[in-house]
C-alpha atoms as a PDB file:
ATOM      1  CA  MET A   1       0.122  -0.032   0.070  1.00  0.00           C
ATOM      2  CA  ALA A   2       1.489   3.277  -0.961  1.00  0.00           C
ATOM      3  CA  VAL A   3       0.075   6.136   1.379  1.00  0.00           C
ATOM      4  CA  GLN A   4       1.046   9.506   1.465  1.00  0.00           C
ATOM      5  CA  THR A   5      -1.015  11.196   4.198  1.00  0.00           C
ATOM      6  CA  VAL A   6      -2.363  10.219   7.658  1.00  0.00           C
ATOM      7  CA  ASP A   7      -5.782  10.788   6.301  1.00  0.00           C
ATOM      8  CA  GLN A   8      -5.227   8.353   3.512  1.00  0.00           C
ATOM      9  CA  ILE A   9      -4.329   5.975   6.061  1.00  0.00           C
ATOM     10  CA  LYS A  10      -7.536   6.427   7.988  1.00  0.00           C
ATOM     11  CA  GLU A  11      -9.786   5.886   5.025  1.00  0.00           C
ATOM     12  CA  TRP A  12      -7.838   2.922   4.149  1.00  0.00           C
ATOM     13  CA  VAL A  13      -8.071   1.394   7.909  1.00  0.00           C
ATOM     14  CA  SER A  14     -11.729   2.227   7.525  1.00  0.00           C
ATOM     15  CA  LEU A  15     -12.317  -0.053   4.772  1.00  0.00           C
ATOM     16  CA  ILE A  16     -10.605  -2.986   6.388  1.00  0.00           C
ATOM     17  CA  VAL A  17     -12.495  -2.886   9.680  1.00  0.00           C
ATOM     18  CA  GLY A  18     -13.801  -6.421  10.545  1.00  0.00           C
ATOM     19  CA  LYS A  19     -11.238  -8.057   8.122  1.00  0.00           C
ATOM     20  CA  GLU A  20      -8.506 -10.091   9.105  1.00  0.00           C
ATOM     21  CA  VAL A  21      -4.992  -8.740   9.106  1.00  0.00           C
ATOM     22  CA  VAL A  22      -1.344  -9.663   9.592  1.00  0.00           C
ATOM     23  CA  VAL A  23       0.599  -7.089  11.556  1.00  0.00           C
ATOM     24  CA  GLU A  24       4.347  -6.623  11.816  1.00  0.00           C
ATOM     25  CA  VAL A  25       5.341  -4.598  14.516  1.00  0.00           C
ATOM     26  CA  ASN A  26       9.072  -3.112  14.728  1.00  0.00           C
ATOM     27  CA  LYS A  27      10.268  -3.206  18.186  1.00  0.00           C
ATOM     28  CA  GLY A  28      13.714  -1.530  17.351  1.00  0.00           C
ATOM     29  CA  ARG A  29      17.090  -2.972  17.140  1.00  0.00           C
ATOM     30  CA  LYS A  30      16.314  -5.606  14.447  1.00  0.00           C
ATOM     31  CA  LYS A  31      13.405  -7.024  16.753  1.00  0.00           C
ATOM     32  CA  THR A  32      10.194  -7.453  14.938  1.00  0.00           C
ATOM     33  CA  VAL A  33       6.929  -9.383  15.982  1.00  0.00           C
ATOM     34  CA  VAL A  34       4.282 -10.845  13.510  1.00  0.00           C
ATOM     35  CA  ARG A  35       0.807 -11.615  14.636  1.00  0.00           C
ATOM     36  CA  GLU A  36      -2.497 -12.093  13.030  1.00  0.00           C
ATOM     37  CA  GLY A  37      -5.522 -10.176  13.885  1.00  0.00           C
ATOM     38  CA  VAL A  38      -8.749  -8.462  13.155  1.00  0.00           C
ATOM     39  CA  VAL A  39      -9.318  -4.545  12.754  1.00  0.00           C
ATOM     40  CA  GLU A  40     -12.188  -4.134  15.295  1.00  0.00           C
ATOM     41  CA  GLU A  41     -12.564  -0.588  15.972  1.00  0.00           C
ATOM     42  CA  ILE A  42     -11.475   2.984  14.505  1.00  0.00           C
ATOM     43  CA  TYR A  43     -11.212   6.236  16.028  1.00  0.00           C
ATOM     44  CA  PRO A  44     -10.127   9.755  15.191  1.00  0.00           C
ATOM     45  CA  PHE A  45      -6.620   9.178  16.074  1.00  0.00           C
ATOM     46  CA  PHE A  46      -6.221   5.480  16.643  1.00  0.00           C
ATOM     47  CA  PHE A  47      -7.586   2.085  15.898  1.00  0.00           C
ATOM     48  CA  VAL A  48      -7.884  -1.215  17.463  1.00  0.00           C
ATOM     49  CA  LEU A  49      -7.028  -4.813  16.798  1.00  0.00           C
ATOM     50  CA  ARG A  50      -8.057  -7.900  18.342  1.00  0.00           C
ATOM     51  CA  MET A  51      -5.442 -10.406  18.327  1.00  0.00           C
ATOM     52  CA  ASN A  52      -5.556 -14.285  19.740  1.00  0.00           C
ATOM     53  CA  VAL A  53      -2.176 -14.560  21.677  1.00  0.00           C
ATOM     54  CA  ASN A  54      -1.524 -17.631  23.420  1.00  0.00           C
ATOM     55  CA  GLY A  55      -5.131 -18.574  23.755  1.00  0.00           C
ATOM     56  CA  SER A  56      -6.129 -15.500  25.297  1.00  0.00           C
ATOM     57  CA  CYS A  57      -7.837 -12.474  23.499  1.00  0.00           C
ATOM     58  CA  GLN A  58      -6.004  -8.883  23.304  1.00  0.00           C
ATOM     59  CA  ARG A  59      -7.072  -5.754  22.189  1.00  0.00           C
ATOM     60  CA  ILE A  60      -3.931  -3.462  20.905  1.00  0.00           C
ATOM     61  CA  SER A  61      -4.518   0.099  19.844  1.00  0.00           C
ATOM     62  CA  PHE A  62      -2.052   1.872  17.064  1.00  0.00           C
ATOM     63  CA  ASN A  63      -1.740   5.401  16.138  1.00  0.00           C
ATOM     64  CA  TYR A  64      -2.218   5.727  12.208  1.00  0.00           C
ATOM     65  CA  SER A  65       1.104   7.411  12.242  1.00  0.00           C
ATOM     66  CA  ASP A  66       2.357   4.085  13.162  1.00  0.00           C
ATOM     67  CA  ILE A  67       1.612   3.193  10.028  1.00  0.00           C
ATOM     68  CA  LEU A  68       3.189   6.240   8.411  1.00  0.00           C
ATOM     69  CA  THR A  69       6.386   5.834   9.930  1.00  0.00           C
ATOM     70  CA  LYS A  70       6.632   2.359   9.284  1.00  0.00           C
ATOM     71  CA  THR A  71       6.644   1.272  13.119  1.00  0.00           C
ATOM     72  CA  ILE A  72       3.862  -1.261  12.197  1.00  0.00           C
ATOM     73  CA  GLU A  73       2.938  -3.095   8.670  1.00  0.00           C
ATOM     74  CA  LEU A  74      -0.609  -4.422   7.943  1.00  0.00           C
ATOM     75  CA  GLU A  75      -1.471  -6.773   5.614  1.00  0.00           C
ATOM     76  CA  VAL A  76      -4.835  -7.732   4.578  1.00  0.00           C
ATOM     77  CA  ARG A  77      -5.570 -11.406   4.361  1.00  0.00           C
END
């Protein structure tokens, strides 16, 4: 996905609400975490992913700017 602005990212995320995604989180120093989840909710400044981690359901929020700065990468399944 080639995006230029936070507004374009917000529009794109609003289109994938309820869909399964693969999220790759860059934790720095060459550490990345890859998980599967569902885009659950969107808000004006952040969105929420629901992930199943070790048998328990977790809800994690991210800013739209995290996608812009490539702190996280989302791929729709």
